[in-house]
Amino acid sequence: MRQHDGRLLILIIVITAFAAWVAWPGNPGVNIKLGDRSITREIRLWLGLDLQGGMQVLMKADVPEGQTLDADAMEATRGILENRVDALGVTEPVVQAVGSDRVLVEMPGIQDPQTAIDTLKETGLLEFVDTGSQFLPAGTPVETDYGSVAASEAISPTTTVYHTVLTGSSLKTAQVTFDQTTGRPYIAFALDGEGVDVFAEHTAANIGKYLAIVLDGEVISCPVINSSIPDGEGIIEGQFTLEEAKSMVLQLRYGALPVPLTVLETRSVGPTRGQDSVDKSIRAGIIGLVAVLLFMLIYYRLPGALASLALIIYALITLALYKLIPVTLTLPGIAGFLLSVGMAVDANILIFERMREELRHGRELGRAVDAGFRRAWTSILDSNVSVWITCAILWAFGNSFGANMVKGFAVTLALGVAVSMFTAITVTRTFVRFTFRTTGERLREKRWLLGI
């Protein structure tokens, strides 16, 4: 038994040292070179929108009445939005489908919310439209014969429907370039193999006529075809700013959305407010932890001191796991962590109360410790399993409705409860056994140290 407890004590010391290294705020991460290969891992806390600041956008697929939306279209929409957000330079974005027709986008640290929203919600359908001898000014809405949406809409007899020669699906590249004379931005594009052939054939057969460049049903520019364009390269000019040009390029580069989107809700959190939340959360956590430690020390004396040490180890291990998994911390997530601290203390209280009962009935220290842990184990297990079931329900609820804050609470609480079982049953038990074995004779004479 002594050898077993000694090995456990060494294991606890090793785990605590590793957890302390991971939890250390100035942790440099891992950067190991093995010959030509290298292993790099950043170790830090990931903060959610409410702590870091940023924007959350909930969008709904705008499907015409009578039409159904399949799962593949929503998954394609989610993938395109994810590419657009990544291209905006947002770190740690979250893009997830919510239900059957909604998408939730979280963008921490976003600097220009309106540009981001415009980039996300625009369909991004580029069309090269044959308008013949008709010049269409920029901003003119047009009807084309492309796509099921146009075909399904009620078009009056007087409305002109223009032919779409090519769409953005034939684009190979698109990038923002500047006019060397005026300094105005324009978009240079190149078509893929099939697009090159179609473009070359159309421009050769329609010299002197107009070819409108239309984005999301609105004319951007309407240049005249001066000559055949056999290489499939061209430019899109218009009265747009640099930010609008960049947004347009992102939409073109990553494809058109299968369905148009409507913004249902936006929520922004400033970085100052986020930092204020972090500061208050840390302050509340420290106050709560100190209060718990004082209670354990005053009420349970020596066992309380050992439990307090185990509680500090619990906090280090939990924080290390948050960094290693990683878990994105939100305000509800911090609440889940603090609640799990309370449950860790609750487990120790159950154990110590059972242990004190055994000591009052005259049992020797070693037997009282074993009996206390054994009798408390069933209650601790039942309580923690109930919490895990609740966390699973909260996770499923949050996953279905896009309530990431609910999911954050469920994750931190479930993880904290799992760690608390290890610290209460293994760490505290090892500490109590080791201490009672080394100071057993003196404790028999000073029973007040046991809180009796």
Protein backbone atom coordinates (compact mmCIF):
# COMPACT_ATOMS: atom_id res chain seq x y z
CA MET A 1 0.00 0.00 0.00
CA ARG A 2 2.81 2.39 0.86
CA GLN A 3 4.57 1.70 -2.44
CA HIS A 4 1.28 2.23 -4.29
CA ASP A 5 0.68 5.59 -2.56
CA GLY A 6 4.30 6.59 -3.20
CA ARG A 7 3.95 5.91 -6.93
CA LEU A 8 0.68 7.84 -7.02
CA LEU A 9 2.33 10.77 -5.24
CA ILE A 10 5.14 10.85 -7.81
CA LEU A 11 2.60 10.66 -10.65
CA ILE A 12 0.61 13.54 -9.13
CA ILE A 13 3.77 15.66 -8.83
CA VAL A 14 4.68 14.99 -12.49
CA ILE A 15 1.14 15.79 -13.72
CA THR A 16 1.04 18.96 -11.61
CA ALA A 17 4.42 20.15 -12.91
CA PHE A 18 3.35 19.56 -16.53
CA ALA A 19 -0.03 21.27 -15.96
CA ALA A 20 1.70 24.25 -14.33
CA TRP A 21 4.03 24.56 -17.34
CA VAL A 22 1.10 24.46 -19.79
CA ALA A 23 -1.02 26.86 -17.70
CA TRP A 24 1.83 29.37 -17.30
CA PRO A 25 0.69 32.58 -19.08
CA GLY A 26 4.08 33.10 -20.76
CA ASN A 27 4.23 29.57 -22.19
CA PRO A 28 6.24 29.75 -25.45
CA GLY A 29 4.56 26.68 -26.93
CA VAL A 30 6.24 23.71 -28.57
CA ASN A 31 8.81 24.04 -31.34
CA ILE A 32 10.74 20.80 -31.86
CA LYS A 33 12.95 20.08 -34.87
CA LEU A 34 13.50 16.45 -35.85
CA GLY A 35 15.85 16.51 -38.81
CA ASP A 36 13.93 17.96 -41.75
CA ARG A 37 10.65 17.87 -39.85
CA SER A 38 9.47 20.21 -37.14
CA ILE A 39 6.64 20.04 -34.60
CA THR A 40 5.13 23.43 -33.77
CA ARG A 41 2.23 23.92 -31.38
CA GLU A 42 0.96 27.18 -29.93
CA ILE A 43 -0.23 26.83 -26.33
CA ARG A 44 -2.59 29.59 -25.26
CA LEU A 45 -6.12 30.28 -24.12
CA TRP A 46 -8.65 30.80 -26.91
CA LEU A 47 -11.20 33.47 -26.05
CA GLY A 48 -14.73 33.73 -27.42
CA LEU A 49 -16.47 36.80 -28.82
CA ASP A 50 -17.75 38.02 -25.47
CA LEU A 51 -14.22 38.07 -24.05
CA GLN A 52 -12.11 38.96 -27.09
CA GLY A 53 -14.54 41.22 -28.93
CA GLY A 54 -15.87 40.68 -32.44
CA MET A 55 -19.11 40.04 -34.28
CA GLN A 56 -21.68 37.26 -34.59
CA VAL A 57 -23.97 37.06 -37.63
CA LEU A 58 -26.98 34.76 -38.01
CA MET A 59 -28.18 34.35 -41.61
CA LYS A 60 -31.13 32.53 -43.14
CA ALA A 61 -31.43 31.02 -46.60
CA ASP A 62 -33.86 33.11 -48.65
CA VAL A 63 -35.71 30.39 -50.54
CA PRO A 64 -38.75 31.28 -52.71
CA GLU A 65 -42.07 29.97 -51.44
CA GLY A 66 -42.81 26.49 -52.73
CA GLN A 67 -39.15 25.53 -53.18
CA THR A 68 -37.25 23.22 -50.87
CA LEU A 69 -33.68 23.60 -49.67
CA ASP A 70 -31.54 20.47 -49.63
CA ALA A 71 -28.77 19.74 -47.14
CA ASP A 72 -26.07 19.76 -49.84
CA ALA A 73 -26.89 23.36 -50.77
CA MET A 74 -26.60 24.47 -47.14
CA GLU A 75 -23.31 22.62 -46.68
CA ALA A 76 -21.95 24.23 -49.86
CA THR A 77 -23.11 27.62 -48.55
CA ARG A 78 -21.35 27.02 -45.24
CA GLY A 79 -18.12 26.03 -47.03
CA ILE A 80 -18.15 29.13 -49.26
CA LEU A 81 -18.81 31.40 -46.28
CA GLU A 82 -15.95 29.75 -44.40
CA ASN A 83 -13.59 30.48 -47.30
CA ARG A 84 -14.74 34.10 -47.45
CA VAL A 85 -14.23 34.60 -43.71
CA ASP A 86 -10.76 33.03 -43.87
CA ALA A 87 -9.85 35.35 -46.73
CA LEU A 88 -10.89 38.36 -44.62
CA GLY A 89 -8.00 37.48 -42.31
CA VAL A 90 -10.18 36.64 -39.31
CA THR A 91 -8.46 34.40 -36.76
CA GLU A 92 -10.37 31.54 -35.13
CA PRO A 93 -13.65 32.07 -37.04
CA VAL A 94 -16.65 29.81 -36.47
CA VAL A 95 -18.98 29.01 -39.38
CA GLN A 96 -21.64 26.43 -38.65
CA ALA A 97 -25.01 25.33 -39.97
CA VAL A 98 -27.88 25.93 -37.56
CA GLY A 99 -30.95 23.83 -38.20
CA SER A 100 -31.90 23.24 -41.83
CA ASP A 101 -31.81 26.78 -43.27
CA ARG A 102 -29.54 28.97 -41.11
CA VAL A 103 -25.83 29.66 -40.80
CA LEU A 104 -24.07 31.18 -37.81
CA VAL A 105 -20.79 33.06 -38.35
CA GLU A 106 -18.57 34.25 -35.51
CA MET A 107 -15.66 36.57 -36.32
CA PRO A 108 -13.47 37.52 -33.34
CA GLY A 109 -11.50 40.76 -33.57
CA ILE A 110 -13.16 41.95 -36.81
CA GLN A 111 -12.23 45.56 -37.62
CA ASP A 112 -14.83 46.49 -40.25
CA PRO A 113 -18.17 44.81 -39.40
CA GLN A 114 -20.21 46.29 -42.26
CA THR A 115 -17.73 45.23 -44.96
CA ALA A 116 -17.63 41.75 -43.45
CA ILE A 117 -21.43 41.48 -43.50
CA ASP A 118 -21.59 42.69 -47.11
CA THR A 119 -18.93 40.17 -48.13
CA LEU A 120 -20.81 37.33 -46.47
CA LYS A 121 -24.40 37.98 -47.48
CA GLU A 122 -23.90 38.85 -51.17
CA THR A 123 -24.59 35.88 -53.43
CA GLY A 124 -21.51 36.60 -55.55
CA LEU A 125 -23.06 35.48 -58.87
CA LEU A 126 -21.01 36.96 -61.69
CA GLU A 127 -22.47 36.93 -65.22
CA PHE A 128 -21.11 38.09 -68.56
CA VAL A 129 -24.32 39.17 -70.28
CA ASP A 130 -24.88 39.80 -73.98
CA THR A 131 -26.84 43.07 -74.29
CA GLY A 132 -26.24 43.44 -78.02
CA SER A 133 -26.36 47.09 -79.07
CA GLN A 134 -27.98 48.14 -75.79
CA PHE A 135 -25.72 50.01 -73.34
CA LEU A 136 -26.70 49.52 -69.68
CA PRO A 137 -25.39 52.05 -67.12
CA ALA A 138 -23.72 50.82 -63.94
CA GLY A 139 -26.27 49.98 -61.25
CA THR A 140 -29.00 48.90 -63.69
CA PRO A 141 -30.90 45.78 -62.51
CA VAL A 142 -31.20 43.16 -65.24
CA GLU A 143 -33.00 39.88 -65.84
CA THR A 144 -31.05 37.05 -67.45
CA ASP A 145 -31.87 33.59 -68.71
CA TYR A 146 -29.36 31.97 -66.35
CA GLY A 147 -30.30 29.77 -63.39
CA SER A 148 -33.43 28.38 -61.82
CA VAL A 149 -34.04 31.49 -59.71
CA ALA A 150 -34.40 33.74 -62.74
CA ALA A 151 -36.53 31.15 -64.49
CA SER A 152 -38.88 30.81 -61.52
CA GLU A 153 -39.53 34.53 -61.09
CA ALA A 154 -42.55 36.18 -62.62
CA ILE A 155 -41.29 38.33 -65.49
CA SER A 156 -43.58 40.85 -67.13
CA PRO A 157 -43.98 40.79 -70.93
CA THR A 158 -42.20 44.15 -71.23
CA THR A 159 -39.11 43.01 -69.31
CA THR A 160 -36.07 42.27 -71.45
CA VAL A 161 -34.35 39.01 -70.58
CA TYR A 162 -30.70 39.03 -71.64
CA HIS A 163 -28.59 36.01 -72.48
CA THR A 164 -25.80 35.00 -70.08
CA VAL A 165 -22.67 34.06 -72.02
CA LEU A 166 -20.55 33.00 -69.04
CA THR A 167 -20.78 32.89 -65.25
CA GLY A 168 -18.23 33.26 -62.48
CA SER A 169 -17.90 29.47 -62.32
CA SER A 170 -15.56 29.79 -65.33
CA LEU A 171 -13.18 32.11 -63.45
CA LYS A 172 -9.69 30.81 -62.75
CA THR A 173 -8.32 33.85 -60.92
CA ALA A 174 -9.48 37.31 -59.83
CA GLN A 175 -7.44 40.02 -58.15
CA VAL A 176 -7.54 43.75 -57.39
CA THR A 177 -5.28 45.91 -59.59
CA PHE A 178 -4.87 49.68 -59.90
CA ASP A 179 -5.08 51.93 -62.94
CA GLN A 180 -1.62 53.51 -63.31
CA THR A 181 -3.11 56.78 -64.58
CA THR A 182 -6.06 57.39 -62.27
CA GLY A 183 -5.08 55.15 -59.34
CA ARG A 184 -8.61 53.69 -59.25
CA PRO A 185 -8.97 50.00 -58.40
CA TYR A 186 -10.28 47.49 -60.90
CA ILE A 187 -10.51 43.71 -61.01
CA ALA A 188 -8.31 41.68 -63.32
CA PHE A 189 -9.60 38.19 -64.10
CA ALA A 190 -8.62 35.10 -66.07
CA LEU A 191 -10.92 32.32 -67.25
CA ASP A 192 -10.37 28.57 -67.19
CA GLY A 193 -10.00 26.33 -70.25
CA GLU A 194 -13.65 26.00 -71.30
CA GLY A 195 -14.37 29.61 -70.36
CA VAL A 196 -11.51 30.81 -72.58
CA ASP A 197 -13.03 29.07 -75.62
CA VAL A 198 -16.55 30.40 -75.01
CA PHE A 199 -15.26 33.93 -74.33
CA ALA A 200 -13.05 33.93 -77.43
CA GLU A 201 -15.87 32.69 -79.65
CA HIS A 202 -18.38 35.24 -78.34
CA THR A 203 -16.04 38.25 -78.51
CA ALA A 204 -14.96 37.33 -82.05
CA ALA A 205 -18.59 37.13 -83.22
CA ASN A 206 -19.80 40.30 -81.47
CA ILE A 207 -17.21 43.01 -82.15
CA GLY A 208 -18.75 46.46 -81.71
CA LYS A 209 -21.47 45.19 -79.37
CA TYR A 210 -21.81 45.44 -75.59
CA LEU A 211 -20.99 42.78 -73.01
CA ALA A 212 -22.39 43.71 -69.59
CA ILE A 213 -20.63 42.47 -66.47
CA VAL A 214 -23.34 41.75 -63.92
CA LEU A 215 -22.93 40.87 -60.24
CA ASP A 216 -25.97 39.64 -58.30
CA GLY A 217 -28.37 40.96 -60.92
CA GLU A 218 -26.88 44.45 -61.11
CA VAL A 219 -24.67 45.88 -63.85
CA ILE A 220 -21.12 46.74 -62.76
CA SER A 221 -19.89 47.87 -66.15
CA CYS A 222 -20.95 47.53 -69.77
CA PRO A 223 -17.89 47.70 -72.05
CA VAL A 224 -17.99 47.47 -75.82
CA ILE A 225 -16.19 44.56 -77.48
CA ASN A 226 -13.42 46.11 -79.57
CA SER A 227 -11.73 42.89 -80.65
CA SER A 228 -11.58 39.18 -80.05
CA ILE A 229 -10.15 38.13 -76.66
CA PRO A 230 -8.57 34.70 -77.24
CA ASP A 231 -6.62 34.40 -73.97
CA GLY A 232 -9.62 34.65 -71.62
CA GLU A 233 -8.16 37.56 -69.65
CA GLY A 234 -9.94 40.83 -68.94
CA ILE A 235 -10.74 43.53 -66.43
CA ILE A 236 -13.85 44.66 -64.56
CA GLU A 237 -14.04 48.43 -64.11
CA GLY A 238 -16.62 50.32 -62.12
CA GLN A 239 -17.29 53.10 -59.64
CA PHE A 240 -16.25 51.09 -56.59
CA THR A 241 -13.86 51.73 -53.72
CA LEU A 242 -10.85 49.60 -52.81
CA GLU A 243 -12.79 47.84 -50.02
CA GLU A 244 -15.69 47.12 -52.38
CA ALA A 245 -13.25 45.75 -54.96
CA LYS A 246 -11.62 43.47 -52.38
CA SER A 247 -15.02 42.25 -51.21
CA MET A 248 -16.04 41.57 -54.80
CA VAL A 249 -12.85 39.60 -55.47
CA LEU A 250 -13.51 37.40 -52.44
CA GLN A 251 -17.02 36.66 -53.67
CA LEU A 252 -15.78 35.84 -57.16
CA ARG A 253 -12.75 33.83 -56.04
CA TYR A 254 -14.67 31.46 -53.78
CA GLY A 255 -17.76 31.03 -55.91
CA ALA A 256 -21.38 32.09 -55.82
CA LEU A 257 -23.60 31.03 -52.96
CA PRO A 258 -26.10 28.31 -53.96
CA VAL A 259 -28.86 30.30 -52.22
CA PRO A 260 -29.24 33.98 -51.32
CA LEU A 261 -28.92 34.82 -47.63
CA THR A 262 -30.78 37.25 -45.39
CA VAL A 263 -29.17 38.61 -42.22
CA LEU A 264 -31.47 37.84 -39.28
CA GLU A 265 -29.34 39.06 -36.41
CA THR A 266 -25.97 40.66 -35.72
CA ARG A 267 -24.25 41.05 -32.38
CA SER A 268 -21.05 43.01 -31.82
CA VAL A 269 -18.80 43.13 -28.76
CA GLY A 270 -16.07 45.78 -28.53
CA PRO A 271 -12.56 44.75 -27.44
CA THR A 272 -12.73 47.09 -24.42
CA ARG A 273 -15.91 45.49 -23.17
CA GLY A 274 -14.41 42.05 -23.78
CA GLN A 275 -11.29 42.89 -21.75
CA ASP A 276 -13.48 44.29 -18.98
CA SER A 277 -15.37 40.97 -18.89
CA VAL A 278 -12.08 39.07 -18.65
CA ASP A 279 -10.86 41.26 -15.77
CA LYS A 280 -14.11 40.89 -13.83
CA SER A 281 -14.22 37.14 -14.44
CA ILE A 282 -10.67 36.70 -13.14
CA ARG A 283 -11.46 38.86 -10.10
CA ALA A 284 -14.63 36.89 -9.36
CA GLY A 285 -12.80 33.59 -9.79
CA ILE A 286 -10.00 34.58 -7.41
CA ILE A 287 -12.44 35.84 -4.76
CA GLY A 288 -14.53 32.67 -5.02
CA LEU A 289 -11.50 30.38 -4.87
CA VAL A 290 -10.03 32.17 -1.84
CA ALA A 291 -13.40 32.02 -0.05
CA VAL A 292 -13.66 28.29 -0.69
CA LEU A 293 -10.09 27.64 0.48
CA LEU A 294 -10.67 29.62 3.70
CA PHE A 295 -13.87 27.70 4.41
CA MET A 296 -12.11 24.36 3.93
CA LEU A 297 -9.20 25.41 6.16
CA ILE A 298 -11.39 26.77 8.98
CA TYR A 299 -13.98 24.00 9.00
CA TYR A 300 -11.93 20.89 8.18
CA ARG A 301 -8.47 22.00 9.41
CA LEU A 302 -5.74 19.62 8.16
CA PRO A 303 -7.93 17.65 5.71
CA GLY A 304 -9.21 21.01 4.47
CA ALA A 305 -5.64 22.18 3.86
CA LEU A 306 -4.92 19.01 1.86
CA ALA A 307 -8.16 19.45 -0.10
CA SER A 308 -7.21 23.08 -0.80
CA LEU A 309 -3.90 21.91 -2.24
CA ALA A 310 -5.78 19.37 -4.37
CA LEU A 311 -8.12 22.16 -5.48
CA ILE A 312 -5.17 24.25 -6.70
CA ILE A 313 -3.92 21.21 -8.64
CA TYR A 314 -7.45 20.82 -10.03
CA ALA A 315 -7.40 24.42 -11.30
CA LEU A 316 -3.98 23.93 -12.95
CA ILE A 317 -5.00 20.68 -14.69
CA THR A 318 -8.29 22.15 -15.90
CA LEU A 319 -6.62 25.28 -17.27
CA ALA A 320 -3.97 23.15 -18.98
CA LEU A 321 -6.67 21.04 -20.65
CA TYR A 322 -8.43 24.20 -21.86
CA LYS A 323 -5.20 25.16 -23.62
CA LEU A 324 -4.34 21.71 -24.97
CA ILE A 325 -7.73 20.61 -26.35
CA PRO A 326 -8.29 23.65 -26.97
CA VAL A 327 -11.51 24.98 -25.41
CA THR A 328 -12.75 28.41 -26.49
CA LEU A 329 -13.54 30.29 -23.29
CA THR A 330 -16.68 32.42 -23.07
CA LEU A 331 -18.38 34.05 -20.09
CA PRO A 332 -20.78 31.09 -19.72
CA GLY A 333 -17.74 28.82 -20.06
CA ILE A 334 -16.07 30.57 -17.14
CA ALA A 335 -19.32 30.15 -15.19
CA GLY A 336 -19.18 26.43 -15.96
CA PHE A 337 -15.61 26.28 -14.67
CA LEU A 338 -16.51 28.08 -11.43
CA LEU A 339 -19.48 25.76 -10.94
CA SER A 340 -17.21 22.75 -11.42
CA VAL A 341 -14.90 24.18 -8.71
CA GLY A 342 -17.90 24.14 -6.38
CA MET A 343 -18.61 20.54 -7.31
CA ALA A 344 -14.97 19.61 -6.67
CA VAL A 345 -15.29 21.10 -3.18
CA ASP A 346 -18.62 19.31 -2.72
CA ALA A 347 -16.92 15.95 -3.37
CA ASN A 348 -14.29 16.70 -0.73
CA ILE A 349 -16.97 17.74 1.78
CA LEU A 350 -18.83 14.45 1.26
CA ILE A 351 -15.61 12.50 1.80
CA PHE A 352 -14.55 14.41 4.91
CA GLU A 353 -18.00 14.21 6.51
CA ARG A 354 -18.04 10.44 6.04
CA MET A 355 -14.49 10.26 7.38
CA ARG A 356 -15.39 12.31 10.48
CA GLU A 357 -18.33 10.02 11.17
CA GLU A 358 -15.99 7.03 11.12
CA LEU A 359 -13.52 8.76 13.46
CA ARG A 360 -16.30 9.67 15.90
CA HIS A 361 -17.26 5.99 16.03
CA GLY A 362 -13.74 5.15 17.15
CA ARG A 363 -12.17 3.86 13.94
CA GLU A 364 -8.43 4.25 13.51
CA LEU A 365 -7.20 6.88 11.06
CA GLY A 366 -6.29 4.58 8.16
CA ARG A 367 -9.59 2.68 8.25
CA ALA A 368 -11.56 5.90 8.70
CA VAL A 369 -9.95 7.38 5.58
CA ASP A 370 -10.70 4.31 3.44
CA ALA A 371 -14.26 4.04 4.76
CA GLY A 372 -14.88 7.76 4.20
CA PHE A 373 -13.82 7.61 0.56
CA ARG A 374 -15.67 4.32 -0.02
CA ARG A 375 -18.97 5.55 1.46
CA ALA A 376 -18.82 8.89 -0.38
CA TRP A 377 -17.93 7.38 -3.76
CA THR A 378 -21.49 6.36 -4.73
CA SER A 379 -22.90 9.81 -4.00
CA ILE A 380 -20.07 11.52 -5.89
CA LEU A 381 -20.48 9.24 -8.91
CA ASP A 382 -24.27 9.65 -9.06
CA SER A 383 -23.97 13.43 -8.78
CA ASN A 384 -21.32 13.70 -11.49
CA VAL A 385 -23.11 11.35 -13.90
CA SER A 386 -26.24 13.49 -13.53
CA VAL A 387 -24.18 16.58 -14.39
CA TRP A 388 -22.69 14.85 -17.45
CA ILE A 389 -26.15 13.91 -18.70
CA THR A 390 -27.26 17.53 -18.27
CA CYS A 391 -24.14 18.74 -20.09
CA ALA A 392 -24.86 16.35 -22.99
CA ILE A 393 -28.40 17.76 -23.29
CA LEU A 394 -27.07 21.34 -23.19
CA TRP A 395 -24.46 20.48 -25.84
CA ALA A 396 -27.10 18.95 -28.12
CA PHE A 397 -29.37 21.98 -27.60
CA GLY A 398 -26.57 24.41 -28.33
CA ASN A 399 -25.46 22.46 -31.41
CA SER A 400 -28.98 22.44 -32.87
CA PHE A 401 -29.75 26.12 -32.34
CA GLY A 402 -26.31 27.67 -32.74
CA ALA A 403 -26.14 28.66 -29.08
CA ASN A 404 -22.36 28.45 -28.76
CA MET A 405 -22.45 30.03 -25.31
CA VAL A 406 -24.61 27.17 -24.05
CA LYS A 407 -22.15 24.72 -25.60
CA GLY A 408 -19.25 26.54 -23.92
CA PHE A 409 -20.94 26.21 -20.53
CA ALA A 410 -21.59 22.50 -21.11
CA VAL A 411 -18.01 21.76 -22.22
CA THR A 412 -16.25 23.52 -19.35
CA LEU A 413 -18.63 22.09 -16.76
CA ALA A 414 -18.32 18.50 -18.06
CA LEU A 415 -14.54 18.74 -18.31
CA GLY A 416 -14.26 20.33 -14.87
CA VAL A 417 -16.40 17.62 -13.26
CA ALA A 418 -14.22 14.91 -14.85
CA VAL A 419 -11.05 16.52 -13.48
CA SER A 420 -12.69 17.04 -10.08
CA MET A 421 -13.31 13.29 -9.79
CA PHE A 422 -9.61 12.66 -10.34
CA THR A 423 -8.49 15.28 -7.82
CA ALA A 424 -11.08 14.36 -5.17
CA ILE A 425 -10.70 10.58 -5.36
CA THR A 426 -7.04 10.22 -6.33
CA VAL A 427 -5.17 13.39 -5.36
CA THR A 428 -6.93 14.21 -2.09
CA ARG A 429 -6.97 10.55 -1.05
CA THR A 430 -3.24 10.16 -1.70
CA PHE A 431 -2.44 13.36 0.21
CA VAL A 432 -4.61 12.35 3.18
CA ARG A 433 -3.19 8.83 3.34
CA PHE A 434 0.41 10.02 3.07
CA THR A 435 -0.07 12.75 5.70
CA PHE A 436 -1.96 10.52 8.15
CA ARG A 437 0.63 7.78 7.78
CA THR A 438 3.54 10.13 8.53
CA THR A 439 1.83 12.06 11.36
CA GLY A 440 -0.58 9.46 12.67
CA GLU A 441 0.58 9.41 16.30
CA ARG A 442 0.45 13.19 16.69
CA LEU A 443 -2.98 13.37 15.03
CA ARG A 444 -4.40 10.92 17.55
CA GLU A 445 -3.42 13.34 20.29
CA LYS A 446 -4.56 16.47 18.42
CA ARG A 447 -7.91 15.43 16.99
CA TRP A 448 -8.93 19.09 16.62
CA LEU A 449 -6.63 19.15 13.57
CA LEU A 450 -9.10 16.74 11.95
CA GLY A 451 -12.00 19.09 12.61
CA ILE A 452 -13.47 16.89 15.31
